[in-house]
């Protein structure tokens, strides 16, 4: 099976590295996650978005203003399900075309990605399309409570990658799908995509049912070793090895500090309120928030990739891998 390569040109990757250096020198946030809405058509039992009442939702100009204010290296568009908003594509285009350079991605469950919608999404110039996938088959339908979802995903992802799109699967590593984690990486290779894994956290819905019991932790270590080999041979795994290496310590009960939420990564609610991360309470409106002066968070209650990958050390090897693609 051929090794998957990222679909960005060498010049784009080089420009991205330059943008990261500039970002660090200016001490701007590395990433801002923009919640277009909290509404969602899925009913996952580890997320409460779909249970919430509709919140106030900003307009396009507000989202562009956020990007201008913080000038991050990357922007992630998410929800809820972002395509619950009819103007989602307009907002994405506005964020991409705002002054400056940034890496812009979207996280979606894939339900709304018809060929026509996907074509319009790719036409915005989006850097990366992330599609959530926890099971490599129709069990994904039950995971999201959306019958027919896997069939949609298994069609549209190869459709997009065949057109040069950079598509990444977002997969939660949890007790339920532990034996499916490696098959998902192989499925990503088959589809021409990559995959980013994140360790399950009970925080979003206080659901402890998907955590690893002690008797399953040995199997988790085996899977992490298998992923290391898949990462080396197929090139479909986007995580740093450092993140995988730290997971056993966290699962065994060790405290991992150093979270940069609220300083290097910001989460903006549909109404413009800043939360250090998706699981913490709002701090202030984005117009009043100063990431440089706020105290670092002390929370150590998760080790999801959104914090772990940001904490991963930048090495010459990682830079070289990025340039090679």
C-alpha atoms as a PDB file:
ATOM      1  CA  UNK A   1       0.000   0.000   0.000  1.00  0.00           C
ATOM      2  CA  UNK A   2       1.523   3.372  -0.986  1.00  0.00           C
ATOM      3  CA  UNK A   3       2.446   5.882   1.679  1.00  0.00           C
ATOM      4  CA  UNK A   4       0.019   8.788   2.006  1.00  0.00           C
ATOM      5  CA  UNK A   5       1.475  12.240   1.409  1.00  0.00           C
ATOM      6  CA  UNK A   6       0.060  15.581   2.415  1.00  0.00           C
ATOM      7  CA  UNK A   7      -1.423  17.490  -0.489  1.00  0.00           C
ATOM      8  CA  UNK A   8       0.343  20.804   0.113  1.00  0.00           C
ATOM      9  CA  UNK A   9       3.155  22.024  -2.114  1.00  0.00           C
ATOM     10  CA  UNK A  10       6.669  22.422  -0.754  1.00  0.00           C
ATOM     11  CA  UNK A  11       6.349  26.219  -0.948  1.00  0.00           C
ATOM     12  CA  UNK A  12       3.121  26.107   1.074  1.00  0.00           C
ATOM     13  CA  UNK A  13       4.733  23.929   3.749  1.00  0.00           C
ATOM     14  CA  UNK A  14       7.778  26.213   3.859  1.00  0.00           C
ATOM     15  CA  UNK A  15       5.517  29.255   4.194  1.00  0.00           C
ATOM     16  CA  UNK A  16       3.689  27.504   7.019  1.00  0.00           C
ATOM     17  CA  UNK A  17       6.920  26.932   8.927  1.00  0.00           C
ATOM     18  CA  UNK A  18       7.779  30.608   8.471  1.00  0.00           C
ATOM     19  CA  UNK A  19       4.337  31.535   9.795  1.00  0.00           C
ATOM     20  CA  UNK A  20       4.881  29.397  12.892  1.00  0.00           C
ATOM     21  CA  UNK A  21       8.212  31.144  13.577  1.00  0.00           C
ATOM     22  CA  UNK A  22       6.564  34.549  13.159  1.00  0.00           C
ATOM     23  CA  UNK A  23       3.673  33.443  15.357  1.00  0.00           C
ATOM     24  CA  UNK A  24       6.032  32.507  18.172  1.00  0.00           C
ATOM     25  CA  UNK A  25       8.054  35.701  17.878  1.00  0.00           C
ATOM     26  CA  UNK A  26       4.884  37.813  18.131  1.00  0.00           C
ATOM     27  CA  UNK A  27       3.446  35.576  20.882  1.00  0.00           C
ATOM     28  CA  UNK A  28       0.129  35.264  19.077  1.00  0.00           C
ATOM     29  CA  UNK A  29      -2.183  32.297  19.706  1.00  0.00           C
ATOM     30  CA  UNK A  30      -1.147  29.251  17.709  1.00  0.00           C
ATOM     31  CA  UNK A  31      -4.745  28.204  17.071  1.00  0.00           C
ATOM     32  CA  UNK A  32      -8.213  29.642  17.457  1.00  0.00           C
ATOM     33  CA  UNK A  33     -11.232  27.367  17.299  1.00  0.00           C
ATOM     34  CA  UNK A  34     -14.370  29.133  16.088  1.00  0.00           C
ATOM     35  CA  UNK A  35     -17.660  27.541  17.053  1.00  0.00           C
ATOM     36  CA  UNK A  36     -20.128  28.624  14.381  1.00  0.00           C
ATOM     37  CA  UNK A  37     -22.965  27.025  16.337  1.00  0.00           C
ATOM     38  CA  UNK A  38     -23.614  24.595  19.175  1.00  0.00           C
ATOM     39  CA  UNK A  39     -26.452  22.987  17.204  1.00  0.00           C
ATOM     40  CA  UNK A  40     -25.810  19.470  15.956  1.00  0.00           C
ATOM     41  CA  UNK A  41     -27.727  16.811  14.076  1.00  0.00           C
ATOM     42  CA  UNK A  42     -25.806  13.987  15.794  1.00  0.00           C
ATOM     43  CA  UNK A  43     -26.609  12.711  19.280  1.00  0.00           C
ATOM     44  CA  UNK A  44     -23.315  11.396  20.633  1.00  0.00           C
ATOM     45  CA  UNK A  45     -23.492  10.245  24.252  1.00  0.00           C
ATOM     46  CA  UNK A  46     -20.105  11.839  25.048  1.00  0.00           C
ATOM     47  CA  UNK A  47     -21.163  15.355  23.980  1.00  0.00           C
ATOM     48  CA  UNK A  48     -23.977  17.601  25.183  1.00  0.00           C
ATOM     49  CA  UNK A  49     -24.111  20.099  22.309  1.00  0.00           C
ATOM     50  CA  UNK A  50     -27.246  18.568  20.824  1.00  0.00           C
ATOM     51  CA  UNK A  51     -29.070  18.848  24.158  1.00  0.00           C
ATOM     52  CA  UNK A  52     -28.501  22.599  24.501  1.00  0.00           C
ATOM     53  CA  UNK A  53     -30.885  25.371  23.583  1.00  0.00           C
ATOM     54  CA  UNK A  54     -29.872  27.488  20.611  1.00  0.00           C
ATOM     55  CA  UNK A  55     -27.327  30.114  21.577  1.00  0.00           C
ATOM     56  CA  UNK A  56     -26.780  33.567  20.129  1.00  0.00           C
ATOM     57  CA  UNK A  57     -24.725  33.139  16.970  1.00  0.00           C
ATOM     58  CA  UNK A  58     -22.403  35.775  15.538  1.00  0.00           C
ATOM     59  CA  UNK A  59     -22.446  36.942  11.950  1.00  0.00           C
ATOM     60  CA  UNK A  60     -19.672  36.637   9.375  1.00  0.00           C
ATOM     61  CA  UNK A  61     -18.094  40.009  10.233  1.00  0.00           C
ATOM     62  CA  UNK A  62     -17.668  38.995  13.866  1.00  0.00           C
ATOM     63  CA  UNK A  63     -15.752  35.832  12.989  1.00  0.00           C
ATOM     64  CA  UNK A  64     -13.458  37.783  10.656  1.00  0.00           C
ATOM     65  CA  UNK A  65     -12.894  40.365  13.405  1.00  0.00           C
ATOM     66  CA  UNK A  66     -11.778  37.624  15.791  1.00  0.00           C
ATOM     67  CA  UNK A  67      -9.200  36.376  13.304  1.00  0.00           C
ATOM     68  CA  UNK A  68      -7.908  39.906  12.723  1.00  0.00           C
ATOM     69  CA  UNK A  69      -7.642  40.585  16.460  1.00  0.00           C
ATOM     70  CA  UNK A  70      -5.614  37.496  17.389  1.00  0.00           C
ATOM     71  CA  UNK A  71      -3.859  36.746  14.060  1.00  0.00           C
ATOM     72  CA  UNK A  72      -3.306  33.035  14.836  1.00  0.00           C
ATOM     73  CA  UNK A  73      -1.259  30.579  12.807  1.00  0.00           C
ATOM     74  CA  UNK A  74      -4.305  28.367  12.342  1.00  0.00           C
ATOM     75  CA  UNK A  75      -8.075  28.590  12.609  1.00  0.00           C
ATOM     76  CA  UNK A  76     -10.354  25.619  13.173  1.00  0.00           C
ATOM     77  CA  UNK A  77     -14.013  25.919  12.178  1.00  0.00           C
ATOM     78  CA  UNK A  78     -16.290  23.674  14.206  1.00  0.00           C
ATOM     79  CA  UNK A  79     -19.626  23.356  16.009  1.00  0.00           C
ATOM     80  CA  UNK A  80     -21.738  21.580  17.073  1.00  0.00           C
ATOM     81  CA  UNK A  81     -21.970  20.692  13.444  1.00  0.00           C
ATOM     82  CA  UNK A  82     -20.839  23.791  11.500  1.00  0.00           C
ATOM     83  CA  UNK A  83     -23.010  22.981   8.483  1.00  0.00           C
ATOM     84  CA  UNK A  84     -26.111  23.407  10.620  1.00  0.00           C
ATOM     85  CA  UNK A  85     -25.584  27.052   9.655  1.00  0.00           C
ATOM     86  CA  UNK A  86     -26.670  27.862   6.119  1.00  0.00           C
ATOM     87  CA  UNK A  87     -23.995  30.541   5.873  1.00  0.00           C
ATOM     88  CA  UNK A  88     -21.139  28.251   6.969  1.00  0.00           C
ATOM     89  CA  UNK A  89     -19.384  28.421   3.595  1.00  0.00           C
ATOM     90  CA  UNK A  90     -19.595  32.219   3.568  1.00  0.00           C
ATOM     91  CA  UNK A  91     -18.008  32.369   7.025  1.00  0.00           C
ATOM     92  CA  UNK A  92     -15.259  29.957   5.985  1.00  0.00           C
ATOM     93  CA  UNK A  93     -14.486  32.058   2.897  1.00  0.00           C
ATOM     94  CA  UNK A  94     -14.438  35.216   5.012  1.00  0.00           C
ATOM     95  CA  UNK A  95     -11.968  33.738   7.484  1.00  0.00           C
ATOM     96  CA  UNK A  96      -9.702  32.406   4.739  1.00  0.00           C
ATOM     97  CA  UNK A  97      -9.695  35.692   2.824  1.00  0.00           C
ATOM     98  CA  UNK A  98      -9.074  37.915   5.852  1.00  0.00           C
ATOM     99  CA  UNK A  99      -5.723  39.770   5.634  1.00  0.00           C
ATOM    100  CA  UNK A 100      -2.683  37.644   6.434  1.00  0.00           C
ATOM    101  CA  UNK A 101      -1.852  33.965   6.116  1.00  0.00           C
ATOM    102  CA  UNK A 102      -3.341  31.161   8.170  1.00  0.00           C
ATOM    103  CA  UNK A 103      -3.957  27.433   8.023  1.00  0.00           C
ATOM    104  CA  UNK A 104      -7.737  26.982   8.046  1.00  0.00           C
ATOM    105  CA  UNK A 105      -9.521  23.704   8.721  1.00  0.00           C
ATOM    106  CA  UNK A 106     -13.021  22.493   9.474  1.00  0.00           C
ATOM    107  CA  UNK A 107     -14.308  19.684  11.700  1.00  0.00           C
ATOM    108  CA  UNK A 108     -17.546  18.048  10.546  1.00  0.00           C
ATOM    109  CA  UNK A 109     -19.352  14.767  11.129  1.00  0.00           C
ATOM    110  CA  UNK A 110     -19.672  14.469   7.344  1.00  0.00           C
ATOM    111  CA  UNK A 111     -23.457  14.199   7.147  1.00  0.00           C
ATOM    112  CA  UNK A 112     -23.924  17.327   5.036  1.00  0.00           C
ATOM    113  CA  UNK A 113     -20.992  16.690   2.679  1.00  0.00           C
ATOM    114  CA  UNK A 114     -22.751  15.925  -0.561  1.00  0.00           C
ATOM    115  CA  UNK A 115     -20.571  16.191  -3.662  1.00  0.00           C
ATOM    116  CA  UNK A 116     -22.029  19.632  -4.361  1.00  0.00           C
ATOM    117  CA  UNK A 117     -21.381  20.873  -0.806  1.00  0.00           C
ATOM    118  CA  UNK A 118     -17.905  19.349  -0.750  1.00  0.00           C
ATOM    119  CA  UNK A 119     -17.022  20.978  -4.065  1.00  0.00           C
ATOM    120  CA  UNK A 120     -18.087  24.370  -2.744  1.00  0.00           C
ATOM    121  CA  UNK A 121     -16.119  23.776   0.455  1.00  0.00           C
ATOM    122  CA  UNK A 122     -12.930  22.935  -1.439  1.00  0.00           C
ATOM    123  CA  UNK A 123     -13.455  25.996  -3.660  1.00  0.00           C
ATOM    124  CA  UNK A 124     -13.058  28.235  -0.581  1.00  0.00           C
ATOM    125  CA  UNK A 125      -9.386  27.221  -0.412  1.00  0.00           C
ATOM    126  CA  UNK A 126      -9.795  25.378   2.892  1.00  0.00           C
ATOM    127  CA  UNK A 127      -6.459  23.933   4.015  1.00  0.00           C
ATOM    128  CA  UNK A 128      -7.825  20.784   5.615  1.00  0.00           C
ATOM    129  CA  UNK A 129     -11.131  18.967   6.003  1.00  0.00           C
ATOM    130  CA  UNK A 130     -11.467  16.957   9.216  1.00  0.00           C
ATOM    131  CA  UNK A 131     -14.175  14.301   9.337  1.00  0.00           C
ATOM    132  CA  UNK A 132     -14.933  12.610  12.653  1.00  0.00           C
ATOM    133  CA  UNK A 133     -14.726   8.803  12.528  1.00  0.00           C
ATOM    134  CA  UNK A 134     -14.605   6.431  15.491  1.00  0.00           C
ATOM    135  CA  UNK A 135     -15.450   3.172  13.707  1.00  0.00           C
ATOM    136  CA  UNK A 136     -14.306   1.880  10.286  1.00  0.00           C
ATOM    137  CA  UNK A 137     -17.762   0.590   9.360  1.00  0.00           C
ATOM    138  CA  UNK A 138     -21.499   1.129   9.886  1.00  0.00           C
ATOM    139  CA  UNK A 139     -21.044   1.186  13.672  1.00  0.00           C
ATOM    140  CA  UNK A 140     -20.264   4.864  13.074  1.00  0.00           C
ATOM    141  CA  UNK A 141     -23.994   5.327  12.426  1.00  0.00           C
ATOM    142  CA  UNK A 142     -24.832   4.220  15.960  1.00  0.00           C
ATOM    143  CA  UNK A 143     -21.938   6.207  17.436  1.00  0.00           C
ATOM    144  CA  UNK A 144     -23.471   9.420  16.061  1.00  0.00           C
ATOM    145  CA  UNK A 145     -27.106   8.212  15.980  1.00  0.00           C
ATOM    146  CA  UNK A 146     -27.231   8.991  12.248  1.00  0.00           C
ATOM    147  CA  UNK A 147     -28.314   5.988  10.141  1.00  0.00           C
ATOM    148  CA  UNK A 148     -26.454   5.928   6.819  1.00  0.00           C
ATOM    149  CA  UNK A 149     -23.627   8.183   8.018  1.00  0.00           C
ATOM    150  CA  UNK A 150     -20.770   5.769   7.270  1.00  0.00           C
ATOM    151  CA  UNK A 151     -22.025   5.240   3.731  1.00  0.00           C
ATOM    152  CA  UNK A 152     -21.911   9.006   3.175  1.00  0.00           C
ATOM    153  CA  UNK A 153     -18.433   9.298   4.690  1.00  0.00           C
ATOM    154  CA  UNK A 154     -16.982   6.335   2.795  1.00  0.00           C
ATOM    155  CA  UNK A 155     -18.074   7.952  -0.471  1.00  0.00           C
ATOM    156  CA  UNK A 156     -17.226  11.595   0.048  1.00  0.00           C
ATOM    157  CA  UNK A 157     -13.747  11.228   1.581  1.00  0.00           C
ATOM    158  CA  UNK A 158     -12.221   9.366  -1.411  1.00  0.00           C
ATOM    159  CA  UNK A 159     -14.168  11.740  -3.657  1.00  0.00           C
ATOM    160  CA  UNK A 160     -12.455  14.723  -2.029  1.00  0.00           C
ATOM    161  CA  UNK A 161      -8.959  13.236  -1.857  1.00  0.00           C
ATOM    162  CA  UNK A 162      -9.158  12.232  -5.531  1.00  0.00           C
ATOM    163  CA  UNK A 163      -9.542  15.954  -6.225  1.00  0.00           C
ATOM    164  CA  UNK A 164      -6.442  16.840  -4.230  1.00  0.00           C
ATOM    165  CA  UNK A 165      -8.132  17.726  -0.943  1.00  0.00           C
ATOM    166  CA  UNK A 166      -6.221  17.337   2.313  1.00  0.00           C
ATOM    167  CA  UNK A 167      -8.627  15.218   4.374  1.00  0.00           C
ATOM    168  CA  UNK A 168      -7.991  14.030   7.910  1.00  0.00           C
ATOM    169  CA  UNK A 169     -10.044  11.654  10.026  1.00  0.00           C
ATOM    170  CA  UNK A 170     -10.497  12.685  13.673  1.00  0.00           C
ATOM    171  CA  UNK A 171     -10.674   9.577  15.846  1.00  0.00           C
ATOM    172  CA  UNK A 172     -11.238   9.288  19.592  1.00  0.00           C
ATOM    173  CA  UNK A 173      -9.289   6.451  21.233  1.00  0.00           C
ATOM    174  CA  UNK A 174     -11.698   4.917  23.745  1.00  0.00           C
ATOM    175  CA  UNK A 175     -12.418   1.525  25.252  1.00  0.00           C
ATOM    176  CA  UNK A 176     -15.226   0.835  22.780  1.00  0.00           C
ATOM    177  CA  UNK A 177     -13.132   1.166  19.624  1.00  0.00           C
ATOM    178  CA  UNK A 178      -9.663   0.192  20.843  1.00  0.00           C
ATOM    179  CA  UNK A 179      -9.425  -2.740  18.436  1.00  0.00           C
ATOM    180  CA  UNK A 180     -10.592  -0.512  15.573  1.00  0.00           C
ATOM    181  CA  UNK A 181      -7.957   2.207  16.004  1.00  0.00           C
ATOM    182  CA  UNK A 182      -5.346   0.626  13.713  1.00  0.00           C
ATOM    183  CA  UNK A 183      -7.904  -0.458  11.078  1.00  0.00           C
ATOM    184  CA  UNK A 184      -9.012   3.181  10.880  1.00  0.00           C
ATOM    185  CA  UNK A 185      -5.434   4.182  10.010  1.00  0.00           C
ATOM    186  CA  UNK A 186      -5.408   1.593   7.236  1.00  0.00           C
ATOM    187  CA  UNK A 187      -8.797   2.804   6.012  1.00  0.00           C
ATOM    188  CA  UNK A 188      -7.411   6.346   5.924  1.00  0.00           C
ATOM    189  CA  UNK A 189      -4.613   5.100   3.669  1.00  0.00           C
ATOM    190  CA  UNK A 190      -7.135   3.392   1.404  1.00  0.00           C
ATOM    191  CA  UNK A 191      -9.112   6.627   1.127  1.00  0.00           C
ATOM    192  CA  UNK A 192      -6.013   8.792   0.559  1.00  0.00           C
ATOM    193  CA  UNK A 193      -6.502  10.578   3.899  1.00  0.00           C
ATOM    194  CA  UNK A 194      -4.636  10.875   7.201  1.00  0.00           C
ATOM    195  CA  UNK A 195      -5.896  10.417  10.760  1.00  0.00           C
ATOM    196  CA  UNK A 196      -5.406  12.338  13.998  1.00  0.00           C
ATOM    197  CA  UNK A 197      -6.130  10.460  17.227  1.00  0.00           C
ATOM    198  CA  UNK A 198      -7.198  11.966  20.520  1.00  0.00           C
ATOM    199  CA  UNK A 199      -7.536  10.262  23.898  1.00  0.00           C
ATOM    200  CA  UNK A 200     -11.099  10.036  25.192  1.00  0.00           C
ATOM    201  CA  UNK A 201     -12.112  12.444  27.947  1.00  0.00           C
ATOM    202  CA  UNK A 202     -15.220  12.219  30.075  1.00  0.00           C
ATOM    203  CA  UNK A 203     -15.384  16.005  30.451  1.00  0.00           C
ATOM    204  CA  UNK A 204     -17.808  17.048  27.669  1.00  0.00           C
ATOM    205  CA  UNK A 205     -20.784  15.027  28.983  1.00  0.00           C
ATOM    206  CA  UNK A 206     -19.405  13.573  32.247  1.00  0.00           C
ATOM    207  CA  UNK A 207     -19.635  10.130  30.621  1.00  0.00           C
ATOM    208  CA  UNK A 208     -17.185   7.694  32.207  1.00  0.00           C
ATOM    209  CA  UNK A 209     -18.492   4.737  30.219  1.00  0.00           C
ATOM    210  CA  UNK A 210     -15.864   4.941  27.459  1.00  0.00           C
ATOM    211  CA  UNK A 211     -12.783   5.157  29.707  1.00  0.00           C
ATOM    212  CA  UNK A 212     -10.234   2.349  29.876  1.00  0.00           C
ATOM    213  CA  UNK A 213     -10.703  -0.042  32.809  1.00  0.00           C
ATOM    214  CA  UNK A 214      -7.420  -1.268  34.357  1.00  0.00           C
ATOM    215  CA  UNK A 215      -7.636  -4.629  32.608  1.00  0.00           C
ATOM    216  CA  UNK A 216      -7.683  -2.929  29.180  1.00  0.00           C
ATOM    217  CA  UNK A 217      -4.655  -0.715  29.661  1.00  0.00           C
ATOM    218  CA  UNK A 218      -2.241  -3.418  28.509  1.00  0.00           C
ATOM    219  CA  UNK A 219      -4.135  -3.644  25.229  1.00  0.00           C
ATOM    220  CA  UNK A 220      -3.950   0.150  24.913  1.00  0.00           C
ATOM    221  CA  UNK A 221      -0.148  -0.054  25.092  1.00  0.00           C
ATOM    222  CA  UNK A 222      -0.151  -2.683  22.356  1.00  0.00           C
ATOM    223  CA  UNK A 223      -2.300  -0.489  20.114  1.00  0.00           C
ATOM    224  CA  UNK A 224      -0.034   2.507  20.668  1.00  0.00           C
ATOM    225  CA  UNK A 225       2.946   0.370  19.602  1.00  0.00           C
ATOM    226  CA  UNK A 226       1.031  -0.727  16.503  1.00  0.00           C
ATOM    227  CA  UNK A 227       0.263   2.895  15.667  1.00  0.00           C
ATOM    228  CA  UNK A 228       3.962   3.745  15.874  1.00  0.00           C
ATOM    229  CA  UNK A 229       4.651   1.146  13.192  1.00  0.00           C
ATOM    230  CA  UNK A 230       1.704   2.283  11.049  1.00  0.00           C
ATOM    231  CA  UNK A 231       2.898   5.883  11.341  1.00  0.00           C
ATOM    232  CA  UNK A 232       6.340   4.805  10.103  1.00  0.00           C
ATOM    233  CA  UNK A 233       5.203   2.577   7.244  1.00  0.00           C
ATOM    234  CA  UNK A 234       2.004   4.147   5.905  1.00  0.00           C
ATOM    235  CA  UNK A 235       2.391   7.809   6.803  1.00  0.00           C
ATOM    236  CA  UNK A 236      -1.331   8.069   7.549  1.00  0.00           C
ATOM    237  CA  UNK A 237      -0.987   8.985  11.241  1.00  0.00           C
ATOM    238  CA  UNK A 238      -0.680  12.736  11.830  1.00  0.00           C
ATOM    239  CA  UNK A 239       0.030  12.612  15.585  1.00  0.00           C
ATOM    240  CA  UNK A 240       3.478  13.224  16.981  1.00  0.00           C
ATOM    241  CA  UNK A 241       5.111  10.200  18.581  1.00  0.00           C
ATOM    242  CA  UNK A 242       5.531  12.308  21.727  1.00  0.00           C
ATOM    243  CA  UNK A 243       1.753  12.442  22.168  1.00  0.00           C
ATOM    244  CA  UNK A 244       1.445   8.651  21.927  1.00  0.00           C
ATOM    245  CA  UNK A 245       4.375   8.213  24.317  1.00  0.00           C
ATOM    246  CA  UNK A 246       2.658  10.375  26.959  1.00  0.00           C
ATOM    247  CA  UNK A 247      -0.731   8.612  26.857  1.00  0.00           C
ATOM    248  CA  UNK A 248       0.272   5.608  29.026  1.00  0.00           C
ATOM    249  CA  UNK A 249       1.481   7.927  31.788  1.00  0.00           C
ATOM    250  CA  UNK A 250      -1.776   9.863  31.765  1.00  0.00           C
ATOM    251  CA  UNK A 251      -3.969   6.758  31.710  1.00  0.00           C
ATOM    252  CA  UNK A 252      -2.001   5.274  34.616  1.00  0.00           C
ATOM    253  CA  UNK A 253      -2.893   8.306  36.730  1.00  0.00           C
ATOM    254  CA  UNK A 254       0.134  10.549  36.359  1.00  0.00           C
ATOM    255  CA  UNK A 255      -0.465  14.301  36.194  1.00  0.00           C
ATOM    256  CA  UNK A 256       0.680  16.010  33.007  1.00  0.00           C
ATOM    257  CA  UNK A 257       0.920  19.760  33.373  1.00  0.00           C
ATOM    258  CA  UNK A 258       1.828  22.500  30.958  1.00  0.00           C
ATOM    259  CA  UNK A 259      -1.499  22.967  29.176  1.00  0.00           C
ATOM    260  CA  UNK A 260      -1.367  26.103  27.006  1.00  0.00           C
ATOM    261  CA  UNK A 261      -5.143  26.565  26.708  1.00  0.00           C
ATOM    262  CA  UNK A 262      -6.145  30.212  26.910  1.00  0.00           C
ATOM    263  CA  UNK A 263      -2.735  31.386  25.751  1.00  0.00           C
ATOM    264  CA  UNK A 264      -1.623  29.409  22.690  1.00  0.00           C
ATOM    265  CA  UNK A 265      -5.046  27.939  21.937  1.00  0.00           C
ATOM    266  CA  UNK A 266      -8.365  29.765  22.313  1.00  0.00           C
ATOM    267  CA  UNK A 267     -11.919  28.531  21.910  1.00  0.00           C
ATOM    268  CA  UNK A 268     -14.552  31.069  20.820  1.00  0.00           C
ATOM    269  CA  UNK A 269     -18.240  30.363  21.457  1.00  0.00           C
ATOM    270  CA  UNK A 270     -20.932  31.119  18.834  1.00  0.00           C
ATOM    271  CA  UNK A 271     -21.669  34.324  20.738  1.00  0.00           C
ATOM    272  CA  UNK A 272     -18.056  35.545  20.822  1.00  0.00           C
ATOM    273  CA  UNK A 273     -17.095  34.472  24.341  1.00  0.00           C
ATOM    274  CA  UNK A 274     -13.561  33.192  24.899  1.00  0.00           C
ATOM    275  CA  UNK A 275     -13.014  29.912  26.687  1.00  0.00           C
ATOM    276  CA  UNK A 276      -9.458  28.678  27.257  1.00  0.00           C
ATOM    277  CA  UNK A 277     -10.603  25.355  25.839  1.00  0.00           C
ATOM    278  CA  UNK A 278     -13.863  23.659  24.875  1.00  0.00           C
ATOM    279  CA  UNK A 279     -14.276  22.181  28.358  1.00  0.00           C
ATOM    280  CA  UNK A 280     -13.684  25.310  30.471  1.00  0.00           C
ATOM    281  CA  UNK A 281     -16.083  28.136  31.316  1.00  0.00           C
ATOM    282  CA  UNK A 282     -16.147  31.420  29.354  1.00  0.00           C
ATOM    283  CA  UNK A 283     -13.680  34.058  30.511  1.00  0.00           C
ATOM    284  CA  UNK A 284     -14.643  37.203  28.607  1.00  0.00           C
ATOM    285  CA  UNK A 285     -15.811  38.552  25.257  1.00  0.00           C
ATOM    286  CA  UNK A 286     -13.151  38.302  22.563  1.00  0.00           C
ATOM    287  CA  UNK A 287     -12.905  42.108  22.295  1.00  0.00           C
ATOM    288  CA  UNK A 288     -11.702  42.272  25.912  1.00  0.00           C
ATOM    289  CA  UNK A 289      -9.535  39.164  26.091  1.00  0.00           C
ATOM    290  CA  UNK A 290      -5.741  39.426  26.316  1.00  0.00           C
ATOM    291  CA  UNK A 291      -4.026  36.049  26.029  1.00  0.00           C
ATOM    292  CA  UNK A 292      -0.648  37.556  26.933  1.00  0.00           C
ATOM    293  CA  UNK A 293      -1.649  38.701  30.426  1.00  0.00           C
ATOM    294  CA  UNK A 294      -4.044  35.968  31.537  1.00  0.00           C
ATOM    295  CA  UNK A 295      -2.684  33.420  33.995  1.00  0.00           C
ATOM    296  CA  UNK A 296      -1.977  29.917  32.625  1.00  0.00           C
ATOM    297  CA  UNK A 297      -4.646  27.319  33.312  1.00  0.00           C
ATOM    298  CA  UNK A 298      -3.870  24.682  35.919  1.00  0.00           C
ATOM    299  CA  UNK A 299      -6.382  22.089  34.692  1.00  0.00           C
ATOM    300  CA  UNK A 300      -4.939  18.602  34.093  1.00  0.00           C
ATOM    301  CA  UNK A 301      -8.231  16.726  33.687  1.00  0.00           C
ATOM    302  CA  UNK A 302      -7.713  15.631  30.074  1.00  0.00           C
ATOM    303  CA  UNK A 303      -4.969  14.727  27.659  1.00  0.00           C
ATOM    304  CA  UNK A 304      -6.783  15.293  24.405  1.00  0.00           C
ATOM    305  CA  UNK A 305      -4.758  15.979  21.275  1.00  0.00           C
ATOM    306  CA  UNK A 306      -5.847  19.628  21.215  1.00  0.00           C
ATOM    307  CA  UNK A 307      -3.583  20.186  24.233  1.00  0.00           C
ATOM    308  CA  UNK A 308      -1.076  17.333  23.883  1.00  0.00           C
ATOM    309  CA  UNK A 309      -0.082  18.028  20.295  1.00  0.00           C
ATOM    310  CA  UNK A 310       0.476  21.718  21.046  1.00  0.00           C
ATOM    311  CA  UNK A 311       2.740  20.760  23.939  1.00  0.00           C
ATOM    312  CA  UNK A 312       4.782  18.363  21.789  1.00  0.00           C
ATOM    313  CA  UNK A 313       8.366  19.637  21.432  1.00  0.00           C
ATOM    314  CA  UNK A 314       9.336  21.143  18.073  1.00  0.00           C
ATOM    315  CA  UNK A 315      12.390  19.261  16.840  1.00  0.00           C
ATOM    316  CA  UNK A 316      14.514  19.407  13.695  1.00  0.00           C
ATOM    317  CA  UNK A 317      13.133  15.979  12.801  1.00  0.00           C
ATOM    318  CA  UNK A 318       9.563  17.300  12.894  1.00  0.00           C
ATOM    319  CA  UNK A 319      10.511  20.288  10.741  1.00  0.00           C
ATOM    320  CA  UNK A 320      12.209  18.007   8.215  1.00  0.00           C
ATOM    321  CA  UNK A 321       9.175  15.702   8.111  1.00  0.00           C
ATOM    322  CA  UNK A 322       6.916  18.683   7.486  1.00  0.00           C
ATOM    323  CA  UNK A 323       9.050  19.904   4.593  1.00  0.00           C
ATOM    324  CA  UNK A 324       9.131  16.452   3.023  1.00  0.00           C
ATOM    325  CA  UNK A 325       5.326  16.172   3.309  1.00  0.00           C
END
